[in-house]
Protein backbone atom coordinates (compact mmCIF):
# COMPACT_ATOMS: atom_id res chain seq x y z
CA MET A 1 26.36 34.67 27.92
CA ARG A 2 26.13 35.90 24.31
CA ILE A 3 28.95 33.53 23.31
CA VAL A 4 27.14 30.55 24.84
CA ASN A 5 23.94 31.44 22.96
CA LEU A 6 25.86 31.75 19.67
CA GLN A 7 27.54 28.40 20.26
CA LEU A 8 24.17 26.80 21.01
CA GLU A 9 22.60 28.35 17.91
CA ASP A 10 25.57 27.22 15.82
CA TYR A 11 25.26 23.69 17.22
CA ILE A 12 21.52 23.56 16.50
CA LEU A 13 22.01 24.87 12.96
CA LYS A 14 24.71 22.27 12.28
CA LYS A 15 22.45 19.47 13.58
CA LEU A 16 19.54 20.77 11.50
CA LEU A 17 21.74 20.93 8.40
CA LEU A 18 22.98 17.36 8.94
CA PHE A 19 19.42 16.13 9.50
CA THR A 20 18.24 17.88 6.31
CA ILE A 21 21.10 16.39 4.26
CA ALA A 22 20.36 12.92 5.63
CA LEU A 23 16.65 13.30 4.89
CA VAL A 24 17.28 14.47 1.31
CA PHE A 25 19.71 11.59 0.80
CA MET A 26 17.14 9.07 2.07
CA LEU A 27 14.32 10.46 -0.07
CA PHE A 28 16.28 10.73 -3.31
CA THR A 29 18.49 7.68 -3.16
CA PRO A 30 17.03 4.97 -5.38
CA VAL A 31 15.66 2.02 -3.47
CA GLN A 32 17.67 -1.10 -4.12
CA ALA A 33 15.55 -3.57 -6.02
CA ALA A 34 14.48 -6.53 -3.93
CA ASN A 35 14.37 -10.00 -5.39
CA VAL A 36 10.80 -10.98 -6.40
CA ASN A 37 10.99 -14.18 -4.35
CA THR A 38 12.15 -12.20 -1.32
CA VAL A 39 9.18 -9.84 -1.76
CA LYS A 40 6.72 -12.73 -2.14
CA ALA A 41 8.12 -14.46 0.95
CA ALA A 42 7.79 -11.25 2.98
CA ILE A 43 4.19 -10.80 1.78
CA VAL A 44 3.27 -14.35 2.80
CA LYS A 45 5.01 -13.96 6.18
CA HIS A 46 3.34 -10.65 7.04
CA SER A 47 -0.04 -11.80 5.74
CA ILE A 48 -0.01 -14.83 8.01
CA GLU A 49 1.16 -12.73 10.98
CA MET A 50 -1.62 -10.20 10.33
CA GLY A 51 -4.37 -12.78 9.76
CA VAL A 52 -4.94 -12.06 6.07
CA ASP A 53 -5.07 -14.65 3.30
CA PRO A 54 -1.67 -14.58 1.53
CA ALA A 55 -3.36 -15.45 -1.75
CA ILE A 56 -5.23 -12.13 -1.82
CA THR A 57 -2.26 -10.03 -0.73
CA LEU A 58 -0.02 -11.65 -3.33
CA SER A 59 -2.68 -10.93 -5.93
CA ILE A 60 -2.88 -7.27 -4.90
CA ALA A 61 0.91 -6.84 -4.95
CA LYS A 62 1.12 -8.48 -8.37
CA ALA A 63 -1.48 -6.08 -9.76
CA GLU A 64 -0.09 -3.01 -8.02
CA SER A 65 3.61 -3.36 -8.82
CA GLY A 66 4.47 -6.77 -10.23
CA PHE A 67 6.19 -7.36 -6.85
CA ARG A 68 8.63 -4.50 -7.59
CA HIS A 69 9.51 -2.48 -4.51
CA GLU A 70 11.09 0.23 -6.65
CA ALA A 71 7.78 0.86 -8.47
CA ARG A 72 6.55 4.46 -8.50
CA SER A 73 3.29 5.75 -9.97
CA SER A 74 2.72 9.05 -11.72
CA ARG A 75 0.36 9.94 -8.86
CA GLY A 76 3.05 9.44 -6.22
CA ALA A 77 2.24 5.95 -4.94
CA VAL A 78 5.31 3.90 -4.03
CA GLY A 79 6.48 0.36 -3.47
CA VAL A 80 5.07 -3.13 -3.73
CA PHE A 81 1.58 -2.12 -2.57
CA GLN A 82 1.67 1.33 -4.21
CA LEU A 83 0.99 3.21 -1.01
CA MET A 84 0.64 6.96 -0.98
CA PRO A 85 3.32 8.29 1.37
CA SER A 86 0.71 10.31 3.31
CA THR A 87 -1.42 7.18 3.87
CA ALA A 88 1.61 5.21 5.09
CA ARG A 89 2.64 8.04 7.43
CA ARG A 90 -0.86 8.09 8.96
CA MET A 91 -0.32 4.40 9.73
CA GLY A 92 3.06 5.21 11.28
CA LEU A 93 4.96 3.47 8.46
CA ASN A 94 7.70 4.36 6.00
CA PRO A 95 6.39 3.43 2.51
CA TYR A 96 9.95 3.39 1.14
CA ALA A 97 10.97 0.53 3.47
CA LEU A 98 9.99 -2.86 2.02
CA ASP A 99 8.58 -4.39 5.21
CA ASP A 100 6.65 -1.22 6.08
CA ASN A 101 5.23 -1.00 2.56
CA ILE A 102 4.06 -4.60 2.73
CA LYS A 103 2.59 -4.19 6.23
CA GLY A 104 0.89 -0.97 5.15
CA GLY A 105 -0.65 -2.56 2.07
CA ILE A 106 -1.95 -5.50 4.08
CA MET A 107 -3.26 -3.21 6.84
CA TYR A 108 -5.02 -1.01 4.28
CA TYR A 109 -6.62 -3.97 2.48
CA LYS A 110 -7.65 -5.48 5.82
CA SER A 111 -9.32 -2.24 6.86
CA MET A 112 -11.19 -2.08 3.53
CA TYR A 113 -12.33 -5.69 4.03
CA LYS A 114 -13.53 -4.96 7.56
CA MET A 115 -15.39 -1.91 6.31
CA PHE A 116 -17.15 -3.58 3.36
CA GLY A 117 -17.15 -7.30 4.29
CA SER A 118 -16.43 -8.47 0.76
CA VAL A 119 -13.15 -9.17 -1.04
CA GLU A 120 -14.47 -7.56 -4.23
CA LEU A 121 -15.69 -4.40 -2.49
CA ALA A 122 -12.46 -4.17 -0.47
CA LEU A 123 -10.45 -4.37 -3.70
CA ALA A 124 -12.64 -1.74 -5.35
CA ALA A 125 -12.12 0.56 -2.34
CA TYR A 126 -8.35 -0.11 -2.38
CA ASN A 127 -8.28 1.08 -5.98
CA ALA A 128 -11.07 3.67 -6.33
CA GLY A 129 -11.44 4.88 -2.76
CA ILE A 130 -13.84 4.31 0.11
CA GLY A 131 -16.15 7.15 -0.89
CA ASN A 132 -16.71 5.87 -4.40
CA VAL A 133 -17.55 2.34 -3.23
CA ALA A 134 -19.88 3.66 -0.53
CA ASP A 135 -21.62 5.84 -3.14
CA TRP A 136 -22.00 2.91 -5.56
CA ILE A 137 -23.62 0.82 -2.82
CA GLU A 138 -25.88 3.68 -1.74
CA GLU A 139 -26.93 4.31 -5.37
CA GLY A 140 -27.70 0.61 -5.87
CA ILE A 141 -24.97 0.15 -8.48
CA LEU A 142 -23.22 -2.44 -6.29
CA ASN A 143 -24.79 -4.90 -3.88
CA GLU A 144 -23.77 -4.58 -0.23
CA ASP A 145 -22.45 -8.15 -0.31
CA GLY A 146 -20.20 -7.41 -3.30
CA SER A 147 -21.92 -10.06 -5.42
CA ASN A 148 -22.03 -7.94 -8.59
CA PRO A 149 -18.50 -6.53 -9.10
CA GLU A 150 -19.09 -6.51 -12.86
CA ASN A 151 -21.19 -3.36 -12.24
CA ILE A 152 -18.24 -1.32 -10.94
CA PRO A 153 -18.59 1.85 -13.02
CA PHE A 154 -14.91 2.87 -13.22
CA LYS A 155 -13.36 0.84 -16.06
CA GLU A 156 -9.91 0.82 -14.42
CA THR A 157 -11.32 -0.38 -11.09
CA ASN A 158 -13.58 -2.94 -12.78
CA MET A 159 -10.57 -4.43 -14.62
CA TYR A 160 -8.43 -4.19 -11.45
CA VAL A 161 -10.91 -6.23 -9.39
CA ARG A 162 -11.35 -8.82 -12.18
CA LYS A 163 -7.58 -9.26 -12.59
CA ILE A 164 -6.97 -9.65 -8.87
CA MET A 165 -9.84 -12.12 -8.48
CA ARG A 166 -8.38 -14.25 -11.32
CA ASP A 167 -4.94 -14.20 -9.71
CA TYR A 168 -6.52 -14.85 -6.30
CA GLN A 169 -8.00 -18.12 -7.55
CA ILE A 170 -4.58 -19.20 -8.84
CA TYR A 171 -2.78 -18.26 -5.61
CA GLN A 172 -5.44 -20.05 -3.52
CA GLU A 173 -4.28 -23.29 -5.14
CA ILE A 174 -0.69 -22.53 -4.13
CA TYR A 175 -1.53 -21.19 -0.63
CA PRO A 176 -4.72 -23.08 0.38
């Protein structure tokens, strides 16, 4: 019986070692760069499937990563939509996989839009966080309808929303 237990333990340890090696390989192997047109096409496809305006999702991806799937931030965000791996995992997605990253970014934006009801406020929440945007509304800094995005107090977020809204207008002409 002792021999059987040792064999089982040995088998489990070997499987665990192989799994660990595979996981390390997946996490530390550079992601192969995807063609920008391939990324844009995937964004448009998933946006349409998910009921979100492709013009806004293209604008977000352009601002977040320049459509580069291999993009990494100093804070740990990854991919085209610069998702935090923990956020993507909560959505049941792999942020390192191109399609999952795109779906995750669209899902996250869509949830921000549903929460705040305004493109500008959704963008501010995407960048600065839900809590900050909710506080700015509660403090009267931002209107609930998002009609005064110029009042966004974080300079980075203010510029982020302005840039995306400019690009959004351009993409709306391409994807009416």
